[in-house]
Amino acid sequence: MLIKDILKLLIYGKFRYFKNEDMDNNLKEQPNNENDKKHSDTRIVGPMTIMVVENDPDTRLLISMLLKNLGHAVIEAPNGQKAVELVQEVKPGMILMDVHMPVMDGFAATKRIREMDEPYRSIIIIGLVAGAVKDDCEKCRNAGMNDCIFKPFRLEEILGKLKVSPAA
């Protein structure tokens, strides 16, 4: 199911994709790709505070509504600079970070967060990448991000990223 389709359902209050036990079962699935298999310390994440850093207001709203519907608290930031300013105040458990934004892009913001003291430097950061260029995921990892998701998203991709390894 594409995220844009989910937004329509969320707006009309008809999104009931998961009951709690369905979500628990989905998050407990065995790793299905080589990257997941490498990490024996993968943690399963329950409801937490997630920062959504995205300059496009529609995409930011869409992701935020989805995460809120799944029981997460959501903090929004329109660019990397605002994310860096907010991170110590809101202490998110995860950041979904667009990589291409005005003011400060996601790469620079991630590097700044990784330079902070603990526990901020270890926050899970997932890059949001427009297009499907594999090099972009490598750039995300080189900047200190844990992983990336390509736009347009699928619900299953976001749910899969809620189960990731801590930062190195």
C-alpha atoms as a PDB file:
ATOM      1  CA  MET A   1       0.000   0.000   0.000  1.00  0.00           C
ATOM      2  CA  LEU A   2       1.498   3.350  -1.022  1.00  0.00           C
ATOM      3  CA  ILE A   3       1.801   6.082   1.583  1.00  0.00           C
ATOM      4  CA  LYS A   4      -0.349   8.466  -0.506  1.00  0.00           C
ATOM      5  CA  ASP A   5      -3.197   5.917  -0.349  1.00  0.00           C
ATOM      6  CA  ILE A   6      -2.759   5.627   3.408  1.00  0.00           C
ATOM      7  CA  LEU A   7      -2.994   9.408   3.803  1.00  0.00           C
ATOM      8  CA  LYS A   8      -6.463   9.389   2.237  1.00  0.00           C
ATOM      9  CA  LEU A   9      -7.534   6.681   4.685  1.00  0.00           C
ATOM     10  CA  LEU A  10      -5.984   8.539   7.626  1.00  0.00           C
ATOM     11  CA  ILE A  11      -7.762  11.765   6.702  1.00  0.00           C
ATOM     12  CA  TYR A  12     -11.116  10.015   6.583  1.00  0.00           C
ATOM     13  CA  GLY A  13     -10.424   8.025   9.771  1.00  0.00           C
ATOM     14  CA  LYS A  14     -10.551   4.682   8.004  1.00  0.00           C
ATOM     15  CA  PHE A  15      -6.954   3.544   8.519  1.00  0.00           C
ATOM     16  CA  ARG A  16      -7.028   0.454  10.723  1.00  0.00           C
ATOM     17  CA  TYR A  17      -4.130  -1.498   9.205  1.00  0.00           C
ATOM     18  CA  PHE A  18      -2.850  -2.940  12.466  1.00  0.00           C
ATOM     19  CA  LYS A  19      -4.272  -4.102  15.723  1.00  0.00           C
ATOM     20  CA  ASN A  20      -1.634  -4.158  18.480  1.00  0.00           C
ATOM     21  CA  GLU A  21      -0.995  -7.883  18.160  1.00  0.00           C
ATOM     22  CA  ASP A  22      -0.669  -7.580  14.370  1.00  0.00           C
ATOM     23  CA  MET A  23       1.969  -4.896  14.797  1.00  0.00           C
ATOM     24  CA  ASP A  24       3.798  -6.953  17.416  1.00  0.00           C
ATOM     25  CA  ASN A  25       3.840  -9.980  15.106  1.00  0.00           C
ATOM     26  CA  ASN A  26       5.015  -7.907  12.139  1.00  0.00           C
ATOM     27  CA  LEU A  27       7.877  -6.367  14.124  1.00  0.00           C
ATOM     28  CA  LYS A  28       8.981  -9.786  15.429  1.00  0.00           C
ATOM     29  CA  GLU A  29       9.430 -11.280  11.950  1.00  0.00           C
ATOM     30  CA  GLN A  30      12.796 -12.795  11.128  1.00  0.00           C
ATOM     31  CA  PRO A  31      15.231 -10.576   9.207  1.00  0.00           C
ATOM     32  CA  ASN A  32      14.693 -10.950   5.483  1.00  0.00           C
ATOM     33  CA  ASN A  33      17.700  -9.207   4.002  1.00  0.00           C
ATOM     34  CA  GLU A  34      21.458  -9.464   4.415  1.00  0.00           C
ATOM     35  CA  ASN A  35      21.781  -6.107   6.199  1.00  0.00           C
ATOM     36  CA  ASP A  36      19.242  -7.169   8.871  1.00  0.00           C
ATOM     37  CA  LYS A  37      20.944 -10.559   9.318  1.00  0.00           C
ATOM     38  CA  LYS A  38      24.325  -8.922  10.032  1.00  0.00           C
ATOM     39  CA  HIS A  39      23.032  -7.157  13.139  1.00  0.00           C
ATOM     40  CA  SER A  40      22.495  -9.531  16.034  1.00  0.00           C
ATOM     41  CA  ASP A  41      21.698  -6.596  18.333  1.00  0.00           C
ATOM     42  CA  THR A  42      18.699  -5.434  16.312  1.00  0.00           C
ATOM     43  CA  ARG A  43      16.117  -3.971  18.608  1.00  0.00           C
ATOM     44  CA  ILE A  44      12.379  -4.057  18.197  1.00  0.00           C
ATOM     45  CA  VAL A  45      10.997  -0.641  18.836  1.00  0.00           C
ATOM     46  CA  GLY A  46       7.670   0.053  20.508  1.00  0.00           C
ATOM     47  CA  PRO A  47       5.915   3.392  20.723  1.00  0.00           C
ATOM     48  CA  MET A  48       8.455   6.214  20.982  1.00  0.00           C
ATOM     49  CA  THR A  49       9.128   9.787  19.951  1.00  0.00           C
ATOM     50  CA  ILE A  50      10.096  10.020  16.288  1.00  0.00           C
ATOM     51  CA  MET A  51      11.309  13.219  14.650  1.00  0.00           C
ATOM     52  CA  VAL A  52      10.230  13.675  11.031  1.00  0.00           C
ATOM     53  CA  VAL A  53      12.572  16.070   9.207  1.00  0.00           C
ATOM     54  CA  GLU A  54      11.138  16.867   5.793  1.00  0.00           C
ATOM     55  CA  ASN A  55      10.868  20.160   3.913  1.00  0.00           C
ATOM     56  CA  ASP A  56       7.799  19.115   1.901  1.00  0.00           C
ATOM     57  CA  PRO A  57       4.801  19.805   4.175  1.00  0.00           C
ATOM     58  CA  ASP A  58       2.587  17.177   2.517  1.00  0.00           C
ATOM     59  CA  THR A  59       5.165  14.412   2.894  1.00  0.00           C
ATOM     60  CA  ARG A  60       5.906  15.508   6.465  1.00  0.00           C
ATOM     61  CA  LEU A  61       2.191  15.430   7.306  1.00  0.00           C
ATOM     62  CA  LEU A  62       1.745  12.049   5.667  1.00  0.00           C
ATOM     63  CA  ILE A  63       4.587  10.386   7.565  1.00  0.00           C
ATOM     64  CA  SER A  64       3.586  12.065  10.819  1.00  0.00           C
ATOM     65  CA  MET A  65      -0.029  10.923  10.553  1.00  0.00           C
ATOM     66  CA  LEU A  66       1.056   7.373   9.788  1.00  0.00           C
ATOM     67  CA  LEU A  67       3.422   7.249  12.769  1.00  0.00           C
ATOM     68  CA  LYS A  68       0.859   8.810  15.113  1.00  0.00           C
ATOM     69  CA  ASN A  69      -1.707   6.251  13.987  1.00  0.00           C
ATOM     70  CA  LEU A  70       0.786   3.536  14.930  1.00  0.00           C
ATOM     71  CA  GLY A  71       1.053   4.980  18.449  1.00  0.00           C
ATOM     72  CA  HIS A  72       4.247   7.025  18.181  1.00  0.00           C
ATOM     73  CA  ALA A  73       4.718  10.611  19.366  1.00  0.00           C
ATOM     74  CA  VAL A  74       5.906  12.749  16.453  1.00  0.00           C
ATOM     75  CA  ILE A  75       7.999  15.908  16.378  1.00  0.00           C
ATOM     76  CA  GLU A  76       8.244  17.697  13.021  1.00  0.00           C
ATOM     77  CA  ALA A  77      11.073  19.798  11.625  1.00  0.00           C
ATOM     78  CA  PRO A  78      11.089  21.492   8.184  1.00  0.00           C
ATOM     79  CA  ASN A  79      14.889  21.311   7.718  1.00  0.00           C
ATOM     80  CA  GLY A  80      18.101  19.932   9.166  1.00  0.00           C
ATOM     81  CA  GLN A  81      18.972  23.076  11.102  1.00  0.00           C
ATOM     82  CA  LYS A  82      15.679  22.944  13.012  1.00  0.00           C
ATOM     83  CA  ALA A  83      16.235  19.224  13.670  1.00  0.00           C
ATOM     84  CA  VAL A  84      19.678  19.911  15.165  1.00  0.00           C
ATOM     85  CA  GLU A  85      18.168  22.649  17.352  1.00  0.00           C
ATOM     86  CA  LEU A  86      15.333  20.387  18.565  1.00  0.00           C
ATOM     87  CA  VAL A  87      17.131  17.074  19.073  1.00  0.00           C
ATOM     88  CA  GLN A  88      18.433  17.757  22.588  1.00  0.00           C
ATOM     89  CA  GLU A  89      15.129  19.280  23.661  1.00  0.00           C
ATOM     90  CA  VAL A  90      12.814  16.495  22.467  1.00  0.00           C
ATOM     91  CA  LYS A  91      15.197  13.502  22.723  1.00  0.00           C
ATOM     92  CA  PRO A  92      13.705  11.409  19.903  1.00  0.00           C
ATOM     93  CA  GLY A  93      14.278   7.668  19.749  1.00  0.00           C
ATOM     94  CA  MET A  94      14.478   7.836  15.954  1.00  0.00           C
ATOM     95  CA  ILE A  95      14.789  10.469  13.248  1.00  0.00           C
ATOM     96  CA  LEU A  96      13.417  10.120   9.722  1.00  0.00           C
ATOM     97  CA  MET A  97      15.615  12.626   7.856  1.00  0.00           C
ATOM     98  CA  ASP A  98      15.072  13.891   4.323  1.00  0.00           C
ATOM     99  CA  VAL A  99      18.489  14.214   2.723  1.00  0.00           C
ATOM    100  CA  HIS A 100      17.789  17.078   0.296  1.00  0.00           C
ATOM    101  CA  MET A 101      16.430  20.171   2.079  1.00  0.00           C
ATOM    102  CA  PRO A 102      17.103  23.901   2.072  1.00  0.00           C
ATOM    103  CA  VAL A 103      18.860  25.656   4.976  1.00  0.00           C
ATOM    104  CA  MET A 104      20.698  22.484   6.130  1.00  0.00           C
ATOM    105  CA  ASP A 105      20.431  19.153   4.322  1.00  0.00           C
ATOM    106  CA  GLY A 106      20.045  15.789   6.022  1.00  0.00           C
ATOM    107  CA  PHE A 107      23.680  14.808   5.528  1.00  0.00           C
ATOM    108  CA  ALA A 108      24.993  17.882   7.346  1.00  0.00           C
ATOM    109  CA  ALA A 109      22.348  17.616  10.081  1.00  0.00           C
ATOM    110  CA  THR A 110      23.226  13.967  10.692  1.00  0.00           C
ATOM    111  CA  LYS A 111      26.927  14.792  10.967  1.00  0.00           C
ATOM    112  CA  ARG A 112      26.117  17.506  13.523  1.00  0.00           C
ATOM    113  CA  ILE A 113      23.957  15.112  15.559  1.00  0.00           C
ATOM    114  CA  ARG A 114      26.683  12.442  15.472  1.00  0.00           C
ATOM    115  CA  GLU A 115      29.117  15.017  16.931  1.00  0.00           C
ATOM    116  CA  MET A 116      26.866  15.563  19.978  1.00  0.00           C
ATOM    117  CA  ASP A 117      27.355  13.847  23.322  1.00  0.00           C
ATOM    118  CA  GLU A 118      25.513  10.655  24.230  1.00  0.00           C
ATOM    119  CA  PRO A 119      22.705   9.752  24.055  1.00  0.00           C
ATOM    120  CA  TYR A 120      22.049  12.051  21.075  1.00  0.00           C
ATOM    121  CA  ARG A 121      24.895  10.773  18.914  1.00  0.00           C
ATOM    122  CA  SER A 122      23.370   7.270  19.014  1.00  0.00           C
ATOM    123  CA  ILE A 123      19.849   8.220  17.904  1.00  0.00           C
ATOM    124  CA  ILE A 124      18.693   6.036  15.026  1.00  0.00           C
ATOM    125  CA  ILE A 125      18.602   8.147  11.857  1.00  0.00           C
ATOM    126  CA  ILE A 126      16.937   6.874   8.685  1.00  0.00           C
ATOM    127  CA  GLY A 127      17.560   8.873   5.510  1.00  0.00           C
ATOM    128  CA  LEU A 128      14.610   9.695   3.241  1.00  0.00           C
ATOM    129  CA  VAL A 129      15.881   9.639  -0.335  1.00  0.00           C
ATOM    130  CA  ALA A 130      14.053  10.816  -3.467  1.00  0.00           C
ATOM    131  CA  GLY A 131      14.762   8.525  -6.383  1.00  0.00           C
ATOM    132  CA  ALA A 132      16.220   5.067  -6.425  1.00  0.00           C
ATOM    133  CA  VAL A 133      19.968   5.537  -6.706  1.00  0.00           C
ATOM    134  CA  LYS A 134      21.878   3.008  -4.580  1.00  0.00           C
ATOM    135  CA  ASP A 135      24.730   5.489  -4.152  1.00  0.00           C
ATOM    136  CA  ASP A 136      22.362   7.701  -2.163  1.00  0.00           C
ATOM    137  CA  CYS A 137      21.999   4.998   0.510  1.00  0.00           C
ATOM    138  CA  GLU A 138      25.774   4.730   0.689  1.00  0.00           C
ATOM    139  CA  LYS A 139      25.990   8.521   1.084  1.00  0.00           C
ATOM    140  CA  CYS A 140      23.459   8.269   3.935  1.00  0.00           C
ATOM    141  CA  ARG A 141      25.570   5.661   5.730  1.00  0.00           C
ATOM    142  CA  ASN A 142      28.763   7.668   5.133  1.00  0.00           C
ATOM    143  CA  ALA A 143      27.082  10.680   6.737  1.00  0.00           C
ATOM    144  CA  GLY A 144      26.295   8.569   9.816  1.00  0.00           C
ATOM    145  CA  MET A 145      22.727   7.457   9.073  1.00  0.00           C
ATOM    146  CA  ASN A 146      21.720   3.943  10.058  1.00  0.00           C
ATOM    147  CA  ASP A 147      19.780   3.223   6.873  1.00  0.00           C
ATOM    148  CA  CYS A 148      17.625   4.822   4.187  1.00  0.00           C
ATOM    149  CA  ILE A 149      14.193   4.598   2.589  1.00  0.00           C
ATOM    150  CA  PHE A 150      13.533   5.574  -1.015  1.00  0.00           C
ATOM    151  CA  LYS A 151      10.587   7.810  -1.896  1.00  0.00           C
ATOM    152  CA  PRO A 152       7.805   7.050  -2.668  1.00  0.00           C
ATOM    153  CA  PHE A 153       7.502   4.939   0.463  1.00  0.00           C
ATOM    154  CA  ARG A 154       5.476   1.845   1.109  1.00  0.00           C
ATOM    155  CA  LEU A 155       3.954   1.228   4.520  1.00  0.00           C
ATOM    156  CA  GLU A 156       5.930  -1.993   4.873  1.00  0.00           C
ATOM    157  CA  GLU A 157       9.228  -0.128   4.378  1.00  0.00           C
ATOM    158  CA  ILE A 158       8.531   2.287   7.199  1.00  0.00           C
ATOM    159  CA  LEU A 159       7.423  -0.532   9.488  1.00  0.00           C
ATOM    160  CA  GLY A 160      10.571  -2.444   8.632  1.00  0.00           C
ATOM    161  CA  LYS A 161      12.733   0.531   9.584  1.00  0.00           C
ATOM    162  CA  LEU A 162      11.133   0.649  13.026  1.00  0.00           C
ATOM    163  CA  LYS A 163      13.275  -2.445  13.612  1.00  0.00           C
ATOM    164  CA  VAL A 164      16.908  -1.340  13.135  1.00  0.00           C
ATOM    165  CA  SER A 165      20.282  -1.581  14.802  1.00  0.00           C
ATOM    166  CA  PRO A 166      21.647   1.210  16.988  1.00  0.00           C
ATOM    167  CA  ALA A 167      24.208   3.635  15.546  1.00  0.00           C
ATOM    168  CA  ALA A 168      27.801   2.467  15.564  1.00  0.00           C
END
